[in-house]
C-alpha atoms as a PDB file:
ATOM      1  CA  VAL A   1      81.856   9.460  67.404  1.00  0.00           C
ATOM      2  CA  ARG A   2      79.878   9.643  64.043  1.00  0.00           C
ATOM      3  CA  LYS A   3      82.027  10.016  60.845  1.00  0.00           C
ATOM      4  CA  THR A   4      80.953  12.912  58.662  1.00  0.00           C
ATOM      5  CA  ILE A   5      82.012  13.874  55.142  1.00  0.00           C
ATOM      6  CA  ILE A   6      82.407  17.356  54.004  1.00  0.00           C
ATOM      7  CA  ARG A   7      83.283  17.947  50.324  1.00  0.00           C
ATOM      8  CA  THR A   8      85.453  21.029  50.650  1.00  0.00           C
ATOM      9  CA  SER A   9      86.201  20.972  45.993  1.00  0.00           C
ATOM     10  CA  GLU A  10      85.647  18.561  43.568  1.00  0.00           C
ATOM     11  CA  ASN A  11      88.429  16.893  43.962  1.00  0.00           C
ATOM     12  CA  SER A  12      88.780  17.178  48.376  1.00  0.00           C
ATOM     13  CA  VAL A  13      86.880  15.602  50.807  1.00  0.00           C
ATOM     14  CA  ARG A  14      87.604  16.319  54.771  1.00  0.00           C
ATOM     15  CA  ILE A  15      86.321  13.754  56.787  1.00  0.00           C
ATOM     16  CA  VAL A  16      85.540  14.873  60.111  1.00  0.00           C
ATOM     17  CA  ARG A  17      84.317  13.238  63.293  1.00  0.00           C
ATOM     18  CA  LYS A  18      81.775  14.927  65.507  1.00  0.00           C
ATOM     19  CA  ARG A  19      81.879  13.560  69.342  1.00  0.00           C
ATOM     20  CA  PRO A  20      79.344  15.337  71.907  1.00  0.00           C
ATOM     21  CA  LYS A  21      80.018  17.572  74.134  1.00  0.00           C
ATOM     22  CA  PRO A  22      79.243  17.422  78.472  1.00  0.00           C
ATOM     23  CA  SER A  23      76.950  20.273  77.282  1.00  0.00           C
ATOM     24  CA  GLY A  24      75.115  18.110  74.545  1.00  0.00           C
ATOM     25  CA  GLN A  25      76.677  20.368  71.552  1.00  0.00           C
ATOM     26  CA  ILE A  26      78.098  18.560  68.419  1.00  0.00           C
ATOM     27  CA  VAL A  27      81.850  19.584  68.262  1.00  0.00           C
ATOM     28  CA  ALA A  28      83.472  18.552  65.086  1.00  0.00           C
ATOM     29  CA  GLN A  29      87.566  17.529  64.962  1.00  0.00           C
ATOM     30  CA  PRO A  30      89.077  17.794  61.866  1.00  0.00           C
ATOM     31  CA  SER A  31      90.926  13.925  62.048  1.00  0.00           C
ATOM     32  CA  GLU A  32      91.788  13.631  58.357  1.00  0.00           C
ATOM     33  CA  SER A  33      91.852  14.438  55.195  1.00  0.00           C
ATOM     34  CA  VAL A  34      91.520  12.595  51.842  1.00  0.00           C
ATOM     35  CA  ARG A  35      91.783  13.525  48.106  1.00  0.00           C
ATOM     36  CA  VAL A  36      89.298  11.484  45.913  1.00  0.00           C
ATOM     37  CA  GLY A  37      90.752   9.656  43.034  1.00  0.00           C
ATOM     38  CA  MET A  38      94.368  10.659  44.095  1.00  0.00           C
ATOM     39  CA  LYS A  39      97.185  10.023  46.621  1.00  0.00           C
ATOM     40  CA  TYR A  40      97.278  12.948  48.683  1.00  0.00           C
ATOM     41  CA  PRO A  41      99.388  14.851  48.912  1.00  0.00           C
ATOM     42  CA  PRO A  42      99.909  14.499  45.579  1.00  0.00           C
ATOM     43  CA  ASP A  43     103.547  13.375  44.711  1.00  0.00           C
ATOM     44  CA  SER A  44     103.867  12.476  48.333  1.00  0.00           C
ATOM     45  CA  ASP A  45     105.892   9.333  47.525  1.00  0.00           C
ATOM     46  CA  ALA A  46     107.899  11.444  44.461  1.00  0.00           C
ATOM     47  CA  SER A  47     111.492  11.264  45.626  1.00  0.00           C
ATOM     48  CA  ASN A  48     114.794  11.964  43.826  1.00  0.00           C
ATOM     49  CA  SER A  49     117.080   9.958  42.294  1.00  0.00           C
ATOM     50  CA  ASP A  50     118.546   9.566  45.999  1.00  0.00           C
ATOM     51  CA  GLY A  51     115.292   8.691  48.070  1.00  0.00           C
ATOM     52  CA  GLN A  52     114.784  12.333  49.451  1.00  0.00           C
ATOM     53  CA  GLN A  53     111.511  13.493  48.962  1.00  0.00           C
ATOM     54  CA  SER A  54     110.886  16.819  46.243  1.00  0.00           C
ATOM     55  CA  GLU A  55     110.386  19.955  46.917  1.00  0.00           C
ATOM     56  CA  ALA A  56     106.763  20.114  45.742  1.00  0.00           C
ATOM     57  CA  SER A  57     105.602  17.301  48.597  1.00  0.00           C
ATOM     58  CA  GLU A  58     107.534  18.912  51.295  1.00  0.00           C
ATOM     59  CA  GLN A  59     106.015  22.316  50.044  1.00  0.00           C
ATOM     60  CA  MET A  60     102.212  20.701  50.184  1.00  0.00           C
ATOM     61  CA  LYS A  61     103.257  19.106  53.765  1.00  0.00           C
ATOM     62  CA  VAL A  62     103.610  22.193  55.070  1.00  0.00           C
ATOM     63  CA  VAL A  63     100.928  23.878  53.365  1.00  0.00           C
ATOM     64  CA  GLU A  64      98.392  21.249  54.200  1.00  0.00           C
ATOM     65  CA  TRP A  65     100.021  21.033  58.549  1.00  0.00           C
ATOM     66  CA  CYS A  66      99.514  25.091  58.187  1.00  0.00           C
ATOM     67  CA  ARG A  67      95.302  24.526  56.689  1.00  0.00           C
ATOM     68  CA  GLN A  68      95.109  22.500  59.331  1.00  0.00           C
ATOM     69  CA  GLN A  69      96.431  24.287  62.657  1.00  0.00           C
ATOM     70  CA  ALA A  70      94.137  27.402  61.068  1.00  0.00           C
ATOM     71  CA  TYR A  71      91.391  24.878  61.034  1.00  0.00           C
ATOM     72  CA  LEU A  72      92.367  23.628  64.486  1.00  0.00           C
ATOM     73  CA  ALA A  73      91.747  27.234  65.714  1.00  0.00           C
ATOM     74  CA  GLY A  74      88.909  28.408  64.005  1.00  0.00           C
ATOM     75  CA  THR A  75      90.409  30.645  61.562  1.00  0.00           C
ATOM     76  CA  PRO A  76      90.430  29.039  58.053  1.00  0.00           C
ATOM     77  CA  GLY A  77      92.299  31.357  55.567  1.00  0.00           C
ATOM     78  CA  GLU A  78      93.748  33.736  58.580  1.00  0.00           C
ATOM     79  CA  GLY A  79      96.699  33.793  60.713  1.00  0.00           C
ATOM     80  CA  ILE A  80      98.974  31.017  59.370  1.00  0.00           C
ATOM     81  CA  GLY A  81      96.545  29.637  57.182  1.00  0.00           C
ATOM     82  CA  ALA A  82      96.740  32.736  54.705  1.00  0.00           C
ATOM     83  CA  ILE A  83      99.986  30.824  54.267  1.00  0.00           C
ATOM     84  CA  PHE A  84     100.061  30.767  49.821  1.00  0.00           C
ATOM     85  CA  HIS A  85     102.186  29.778  47.328  1.00  0.00           C
ATOM     86  CA  ILE A  86     104.127  31.423  44.282  1.00  0.00           C
ATOM     87  CA  PRO A  87     104.373  29.555  41.320  1.00  0.00           C
ATOM     88  CA  ASN A  88     107.190  30.515  39.304  1.00  0.00           C
ATOM     89  CA  GLY A  89     108.917  27.194  39.303  1.00  0.00           C
ATOM     90  CA  GLU A  90     107.143  25.330  36.778  1.00  0.00           C
ATOM     91  CA  TYR A  91     107.765  24.216  32.952  1.00  0.00           C
ATOM     92  CA  ARG A  92     105.283  26.665  30.885  1.00  0.00           C
ATOM     93  CA  THR A  93     105.308  26.781  27.546  1.00  0.00           C
ATOM     94  CA  LYS A  94     107.263  29.903  25.423  1.00  0.00           C
ATOM     95  CA  SER A  95     103.771  31.641  24.670  1.00  0.00           C
ATOM     96  CA  ALA A  96     102.562  31.323  28.540  1.00  0.00           C
ATOM     97  CA  ALA A  97     105.963  32.216  30.570  1.00  0.00           C
ATOM     98  CA  GLY A  98     105.503  35.827  28.208  1.00  0.00           C
ATOM     99  CA  ARG A  99     102.185  36.129  29.083  1.00  0.00           C
ATOM    100  CA  LEU A 100     103.246  35.765  33.058  1.00  0.00           C
ATOM    101  CA  LYS A 101     106.523  37.924  32.511  1.00  0.00           C
ATOM    102  CA  ALA A 102     104.134  40.729  31.001  1.00  0.00           C
ATOM    103  CA  MET A 103     101.363  40.498  33.932  1.00  0.00           C
ATOM    104  CA  GLY A 104     104.653  40.573  36.661  1.00  0.00           C
ATOM    105  CA  VAL A 105     106.086  37.152  37.501  1.00  0.00           C
ATOM    106  CA  ARG A 106     109.254  37.302  38.792  1.00  0.00           C
ATOM    107  CA  ALA A 107     112.357  35.000  38.544  1.00  0.00           C
ATOM    108  CA  GLY A 108     113.601  34.197  42.454  1.00  0.00           C
ATOM    109  CA  VAL A 109     110.423  34.676  44.248  1.00  0.00           C
ATOM    110  CA  PRO A 110     110.415  31.993  47.287  1.00  0.00           C
ATOM    111  CA  ASP A 111     108.123  28.809  47.383  1.00  0.00           C
ATOM    112  CA  LEU A 112     105.658  30.346  49.893  1.00  0.00           C
ATOM    113  CA  PHE A 113     104.250  33.536  51.750  1.00  0.00           C
ATOM    114  CA  LEU A 114     102.913  33.871  55.075  1.00  0.00           C
ATOM    115  CA  PRO A 115     101.405  37.792  54.813  1.00  0.00           C
ATOM    116  CA  VAL A 116     101.036  38.096  59.356  1.00  0.00           C
ATOM    117  CA  PRO A 117     102.990  40.757  60.300  1.00  0.00           C
ATOM    118  CA  VAL A 118     104.777  39.945  63.979  1.00  0.00           C
ATOM    119  CA  ILE A 119     106.708  42.240  66.796  1.00  0.00           C
ATOM    120  CA  ARG A 120     109.883  40.720  68.331  1.00  0.00           C
ATOM    121  CA  PRO A 121     111.340  42.851  70.881  1.00  0.00           C
ATOM    122  CA  SER A 122     114.083  42.248  69.126  1.00  0.00           C
ATOM    123  CA  GLY A 123     116.209  40.874  66.199  1.00  0.00           C
ATOM    124  CA  ALA A 124     118.729  41.334  63.741  1.00  0.00           C
ATOM    125  CA  PHE A 125     115.728  41.771  61.222  1.00  0.00           C
ATOM    126  CA  GLY A 126     112.631  43.622  60.536  1.00  0.00           C
ATOM    127  CA  VAL A 127     111.647  47.079  60.652  1.00  0.00           C
ATOM    128  CA  ALA A 128     112.994  49.144  63.899  1.00  0.00           C
ATOM    129  CA  LEU A 129     110.483  51.080  66.332  1.00  0.00           C
ATOM    130  CA  MET A 130     112.238  53.636  67.993  1.00  0.00           C
ATOM    131  CA  ASP A 131     111.101  55.516  71.033  1.00  0.00           C
ATOM    132  CA  ALA A 132     111.156  59.107  71.093  1.00  0.00           C
ATOM    133  CA  GLY A 133     115.414  59.175  72.273  1.00  0.00           C
ATOM    134  CA  GLY A 134     116.474  56.897  69.938  1.00  0.00           C
ATOM    135  CA  ARG A 135     115.986  53.518  71.550  1.00  0.00           C
ATOM    136  CA  LEU A 136     115.111  50.414  70.035  1.00  0.00           C
ATOM    137  CA  ILE A 137     111.623  49.292  71.033  1.00  0.00           C
ATOM    138  CA  ALA A 138     110.786  46.251  68.594  1.00  0.00           C
ATOM    139  CA  ARG A 139     111.309  45.006  65.510  1.00  0.00           C
ATOM    140  CA  VAL A 140     108.299  44.117  63.011  1.00  0.00           C
ATOM    141  CA  ILE A 141     108.668  41.470  60.522  1.00  0.00           C
ATOM    142  CA  SER A 142     106.041  42.258  57.204  1.00  0.00           C
ATOM    143  CA  GLY A 143     105.706  38.621  56.901  1.00  0.00           C
ATOM    144  CA  LEU A 144     107.019  35.082  56.177  1.00  0.00           C
ATOM    145  CA  TRP A 145     108.749  34.528  52.809  1.00  0.00           C
ATOM    146  CA  ILE A 146     109.711  30.492  52.100  1.00  0.00           C
ATOM    147  CA  GLU A 147     112.525  28.855  49.654  1.00  0.00           C
ATOM    148  CA  MET A 148     111.690  25.188  49.846  1.00  0.00           C
ATOM    149  CA  LYS A 149     114.681  23.550  48.736  1.00  0.00           C
ATOM    150  CA  CYS A 150     115.243  19.375  48.432  1.00  0.00           C
ATOM    151  CA  SER A 151     118.230  18.056  50.756  1.00  0.00           C
ATOM    152  CA  THR A 152     120.956  18.389  47.921  1.00  0.00           C
ATOM    153  CA  GLY A 153     119.299  22.055  46.681  1.00  0.00           C
ATOM    154  CA  SER A 154     121.148  25.154  46.250  1.00  0.00           C
ATOM    155  CA  LEU A 155     119.731  28.595  45.226  1.00  0.00           C
ATOM    156  CA  SER A 156     119.729  30.414  42.358  1.00  0.00           C
ATOM    157  CA  LYS A 157     120.971  33.266  42.342  1.00  0.00           C
ATOM    158  CA  GLU A 158     118.193  35.249  41.189  1.00  0.00           C
ATOM    159  CA  GLN A 159     116.665  33.268  44.513  1.00  0.00           C
ATOM    160  CA  SER A 160     119.500  34.509  46.333  1.00  0.00           C
ATOM    161  CA  LYS A 161     119.327  38.319  45.673  1.00  0.00           C
ATOM    162  CA  TRP A 162     115.421  38.007  46.275  1.00  0.00           C
ATOM    163  CA  ILE A 163     115.496  36.768  49.612  1.00  0.00           C
ATOM    164  CA  ASP A 164     118.553  39.318  50.526  1.00  0.00           C
ATOM    165  CA  LEU A 165     115.938  42.059  49.441  1.00  0.00           C
ATOM    166  CA  MET A 166     113.174  40.652  51.137  1.00  0.00           C
ATOM    167  CA  LEU A 167     115.234  40.831  54.057  1.00  0.00           C
ATOM    168  CA  ARG A 168     116.172  44.204  53.608  1.00  0.00           C
ATOM    169  CA  HIS A 169     112.364  45.343  53.861  1.00  0.00           C
ATOM    170  CA  GLY A 170     111.182  43.709  57.082  1.00  0.00           C
ATOM    171  CA  TYR A 171     110.683  40.637  55.874  1.00  0.00           C
ATOM    172  CA  MET A 172     112.021  37.179  57.461  1.00  0.00           C
ATOM    173  CA  ALA A 173     113.209  35.520  54.481  1.00  0.00           C
ATOM    174  CA  VAL A 174     114.444  31.630  54.669  1.00  0.00           C
ATOM    175  CA  THR A 175     115.695  29.207  53.103  1.00  0.00           C
ATOM    176  CA  CYS A 176     114.266  25.379  54.306  1.00  0.00           C
ATOM    177  CA  TYR A 177     115.483  22.133  53.185  1.00  0.00           C
ATOM    178  CA  SER A 178     112.364  19.766  54.459  1.00  0.00           C
ATOM    179  CA  ALA A 179     108.885  20.522  55.595  1.00  0.00           C
ATOM    180  CA  ASP A 180     110.227  19.875  59.665  1.00  0.00           C
ATOM    181  CA  GLU A 181     112.222  22.499  58.810  1.00  0.00           C
ATOM    182  CA  ALA A 182     109.720  24.864  57.346  1.00  0.00           C
ATOM    183  CA  ILE A 183     107.098  23.992  60.115  1.00  0.00           C
ATOM    184  CA  ASN A 184     109.204  24.576  62.681  1.00  0.00           C
ATOM    185  CA  VAL A 185     110.399  28.198  61.511  1.00  0.00           C
ATOM    186  CA  ILE A 186     106.576  29.111  60.776  1.00  0.00           C
ATOM    187  CA  LYS A 187     106.383  27.990  64.799  1.00  0.00           C
ATOM    188  CA  GLU A 188     108.982  30.350  65.729  1.00  0.00           C
ATOM    189  CA  TYR A 189     107.470  33.086  63.505  1.00  0.00           C
ATOM    190  CA  MET A 190     104.293  32.741  64.861  1.00  0.00           C
ATOM    191  CA  SER A 191     104.771  32.566  68.232  1.00  0.00           C
ATOM    192  CA  GLU A 192     104.725  36.458  68.922  1.00  0.00           C
ATOM    193  CA  TYR A 193     101.807  36.569  66.446  1.00  0.00           C
END
């Protein structure tokens, strides 16, 4: 088994172990991710006053898990790897906040979005597909929105409104209180993909 270091960006390095296949071909397998010069995920040891992991560190675990799953499937950036963060909740100067608001930033938008539609045979949400007789054939869920909260966190009024709006528009929208919970939601959602 041979290790190869692949630089994926200025700060990120992926260590890949290569093992020969029975046919003699070399297959790369991800083994670990390392951040050069910093802990990864950043703030992974950050916790609130109750000792709970921060929302940011839990969210980074979810995104890293999704990226690893996509990499293992050979589809980085597609399917589960298409998940992305909407950076609404960070501190900004007044001028930056005003500029971003003018550019379309909206209060309450969930933290993560997985823009992968799935078709389910039934369910409470999603866009209904009907046959000519008006019977439900299936439901199309347009994508998955995830609002991350720490174990003691709660939704703001704007976040609740946004989640309700997304549900009405055929998306799945959930609030998750840990990385494990979010990963389980994503696994369930993607089981129909």
